[in-house]
Protein backbone atom coordinates (compact mmCIF):
# COMPACT_ATOMS: atom_id res chain seq x y z
CA UNK A 1 44.72 84.39 35.26
CA UNK A 2 47.78 82.35 34.31
CA UNK A 3 49.44 79.98 36.76
CA UNK A 4 52.74 80.98 38.36
CA UNK A 5 55.58 78.47 38.72
CA UNK A 6 56.39 77.78 42.37
CA UNK A 7 60.03 77.17 41.42
CA UNK A 8 60.87 80.32 39.43
CA UNK A 9 57.87 82.54 40.33
CA UNK A 10 57.23 83.28 36.66
CA UNK A 11 54.08 82.78 34.61
CA UNK A 12 53.58 79.33 33.10
CA UNK A 13 52.78 79.65 29.38
CA UNK A 14 53.36 76.14 28.04
CA UNK A 15 53.59 72.81 29.82
CA UNK A 16 52.56 72.81 33.46
CA UNK A 17 52.98 70.26 36.22
CA UNK A 18 50.76 70.30 39.30
CA UNK A 19 51.97 68.65 42.49
CA UNK A 20 51.80 69.31 46.22
CA UNK A 21 49.03 71.89 45.62
CA UNK A 22 51.43 73.99 43.55
CA UNK A 23 52.04 74.68 39.85
CA UNK A 24 55.46 74.21 38.28
CA UNK A 25 57.29 74.41 34.96
CA UNK A 26 58.30 70.74 34.50
CA UNK A 27 61.99 71.72 34.49
CA UNK A 28 61.58 73.52 37.85
CA UNK A 29 59.99 70.58 39.65
CA UNK A 30 63.20 69.66 41.49
CA UNK A 31 64.31 67.84 44.61
CA UNK A 32 64.68 70.18 47.57
CA UNK A 33 67.80 68.25 48.67
CA UNK A 34 69.91 67.63 45.54
CA UNK A 35 68.19 70.28 43.35
CA UNK A 36 67.98 67.82 40.43
CA UNK A 37 64.84 67.78 38.30
CA UNK A 38 62.36 65.07 39.30
CA UNK A 39 61.30 63.39 36.09
CA UNK A 40 60.00 60.06 37.44
CA UNK A 41 56.39 59.69 38.49
CA UNK A 42 57.29 58.72 42.04
CA UNK A 43 58.53 61.38 44.44
CA UNK A 44 58.27 62.13 48.14
CA UNK A 45 57.40 65.22 50.12
CA UNK A 46 59.28 66.92 52.94
CA UNK A 47 58.03 70.17 54.48
CA UNK A 48 55.73 70.76 51.51
CA UNK A 49 58.45 70.39 48.87
CA UNK A 50 59.33 67.55 46.49
CA UNK A 51 62.17 65.15 47.27
CA UNK A 52 63.48 62.50 44.88
CA UNK A 53 63.45 58.87 46.06
CA UNK A 54 67.24 58.69 46.35
CA UNK A 55 67.48 61.74 48.64
CA UNK A 56 64.42 60.72 50.61
CA UNK A 57 65.96 57.39 51.54
CA UNK A 58 69.45 58.76 52.21
CA UNK A 59 68.81 62.20 53.76
CA UNK A 60 65.21 62.78 54.73
CA UNK A 61 63.92 59.39 55.70
CA UNK A 62 64.76 58.46 59.24
CA UNK A 63 65.85 55.20 60.82
CA UNK A 64 63.78 53.92 63.76
CA UNK A 65 65.78 54.01 67.00
CA UNK A 66 64.23 50.70 68.08
CA UNK A 67 64.27 48.43 65.01
CA UNK A 68 66.87 50.27 62.87
CA UNK A 69 64.57 50.11 59.80
CA UNK A 70 63.35 53.01 57.65
CA UNK A 71 60.36 54.94 58.98
CA UNK A 72 58.01 55.44 56.04
CA UNK A 73 54.66 56.03 57.73
CA UNK A 74 53.62 57.48 61.09
CA UNK A 75 56.65 58.83 62.91
CA UNK A 76 57.42 59.84 66.48
CA UNK A 77 60.28 62.25 67.15
CA UNK A 78 61.41 62.15 70.75
CA UNK A 79 64.66 62.24 72.70
CA UNK A 80 66.49 63.43 69.58
CA UNK A 81 65.58 60.21 67.76
CA UNK A 82 62.98 58.97 65.29
CA UNK A 83 60.71 56.02 66.02
CA UNK A 84 57.95 54.03 64.34
CA UNK A 85 54.77 54.85 66.25
CA UNK A 86 54.45 51.24 67.42
CA UNK A 87 58.09 51.15 68.62
CA UNK A 88 57.97 54.24 70.86
CA UNK A 89 57.08 52.25 73.95
CA UNK A 90 57.90 52.23 77.65
CA UNK A 91 61.27 50.66 78.45
CA UNK A 92 59.80 49.26 81.67
CA UNK A 93 57.67 46.16 82.20
CA UNK A 94 54.37 47.67 80.95
CA UNK A 95 55.63 48.24 77.35
CA UNK A 96 52.74 50.66 76.64
CA UNK A 97 52.90 53.04 73.66
CA UNK A 98 54.06 56.49 74.76
CA UNK A 99 53.18 58.68 71.77
CA UNK A 100 51.37 61.76 73.05
CA UNK A 101 51.95 60.81 76.71
CA UNK A 102 54.25 62.15 79.39
CA UNK A 103 57.39 60.09 79.65
CA UNK A 104 60.77 60.10 81.38
CA UNK A 105 64.09 59.19 79.82
CA UNK A 106 66.68 57.00 81.48
CA UNK A 107 69.78 55.56 79.76
CA UNK A 108 68.38 56.38 76.31
CA UNK A 109 65.03 54.65 76.90
CA UNK A 110 61.61 56.24 77.40
CA UNK A 111 59.54 55.23 80.45
CA UNK A 112 55.93 55.88 81.40
CA UNK A 113 55.47 57.74 84.68
CA UNK A 114 54.37 54.66 86.65
CA UNK A 115 57.27 52.43 85.55
CA UNK A 116 59.83 55.21 85.91
CA UNK A 117 58.73 55.89 89.48
CA UNK A 118 58.58 52.19 90.33
CA UNK A 119 62.06 51.51 88.91
CA UNK A 120 64.05 54.70 89.44
CA UNK A 121 62.41 57.20 91.79
CA UNK A 122 63.84 57.33 95.31
CA UNK A 123 61.87 55.24 97.80
CA UNK A 124 60.44 56.73 100.97
CA UNK A 125 62.23 55.78 104.19
CA UNK A 126 58.82 55.32 105.81
CA UNK A 127 56.32 53.75 103.44
CA UNK A 128 58.94 52.47 100.92
CA UNK A 129 56.85 53.79 97.98
CA UNK A 130 58.39 55.92 95.19
CA UNK A 131 58.70 59.65 95.80
CA UNK A 132 57.61 61.64 92.76
CA UNK A 133 57.25 65.08 94.33
CA UNK A 134 59.18 67.07 96.92
CA UNK A 135 60.83 64.97 99.58
CA UNK A 136 62.45 65.42 102.96
CA UNK A 137 66.01 64.22 103.34
CA UNK A 138 66.89 62.81 106.74
CA UNK A 139 68.58 59.77 108.27
CA UNK A 140 70.31 58.89 104.95
CA UNK A 141 66.90 58.51 103.24
CA UNK A 142 64.26 60.49 101.43
CA UNK A 143 60.78 60.72 102.91
CA UNK A 144 57.29 61.81 101.89
CA UNK A 145 56.51 64.73 104.19
CA UNK A 146 53.54 62.86 105.68
CA UNK A 147 55.67 59.73 106.31
CA UNK A 148 58.32 61.47 108.38
CA UNK A 149 56.81 60.78 111.80
CA UNK A 150 57.86 59.32 115.09
CA UNK A 151 58.08 55.55 114.99
CA UNK A 152 56.65 55.33 118.53
CA UNK A 153 53.88 57.93 118.85
CA UNK A 154 53.23 58.37 115.09
CA UNK A 155 53.18 62.18 115.44
CA UNK A 156 54.61 64.11 112.45
CA UNK A 157 58.10 65.47 112.95
CA UNK A 158 58.31 69.03 111.64
CA UNK A 159 61.22 70.51 109.71
CA UNK A 160 62.65 72.32 112.74
CA UNK A 161 61.86 69.63 115.34
CA UNK A 162 64.55 67.67 117.14
CA UNK A 163 64.61 63.89 116.77
CA UNK A 164 66.94 60.93 116.91
CA UNK A 165 67.17 57.70 114.96
CA UNK A 166 66.68 54.16 116.21
CA UNK A 167 68.76 51.18 115.00
CA UNK A 168 66.65 50.82 111.82
CA UNK A 169 67.19 54.53 111.01
CA UNK A 170 63.59 55.38 111.82
CA UNK A 171 62.86 58.76 113.45
CA UNK A 172 62.00 59.07 117.14
CA UNK A 173 60.64 62.46 118.24
CA UNK A 174 62.23 64.41 121.10
CA UNK A 175 59.26 63.63 123.39
CA UNK A 176 59.56 59.84 122.89
CA UNK A 177 63.32 59.72 122.63
CA UNK A 178 64.09 59.59 126.30
């Protein structure tokens, strides 16, 4: 059975070029971007199709958001940008690589969960630790549900319970607030 040209879909009778697991008439082996025939030995690949070096560098190849240099090897696409694998790191103090991990974005920088919470999550009015899940809002602060308790008797203050605040804006339950 004769080979079929990937470019024109017709049978190849004479010269044949094999590249990217496909057969081509040499004149149909063309850049997917500029459509010009690729005659040089060096070419690139994008989405399974050939791309000439000129188009690869100007149109296909991406610039790393961190170092502003061409990304030619392993690439990370995140936050609408392209990064070298080693440059997609936490913008916080840990600087760990984030590829394949959950991250948060703040001011155009990626952050690991721990650094994001430490730096940007609201702090509990009781324990002063970051609040990553649902929070109560009271006394001009956010609170972990389990931290919203009477300063004096340490009993939890429910959502419908009456309370007052002391000078430090800490809750005092109705029972203790005499």
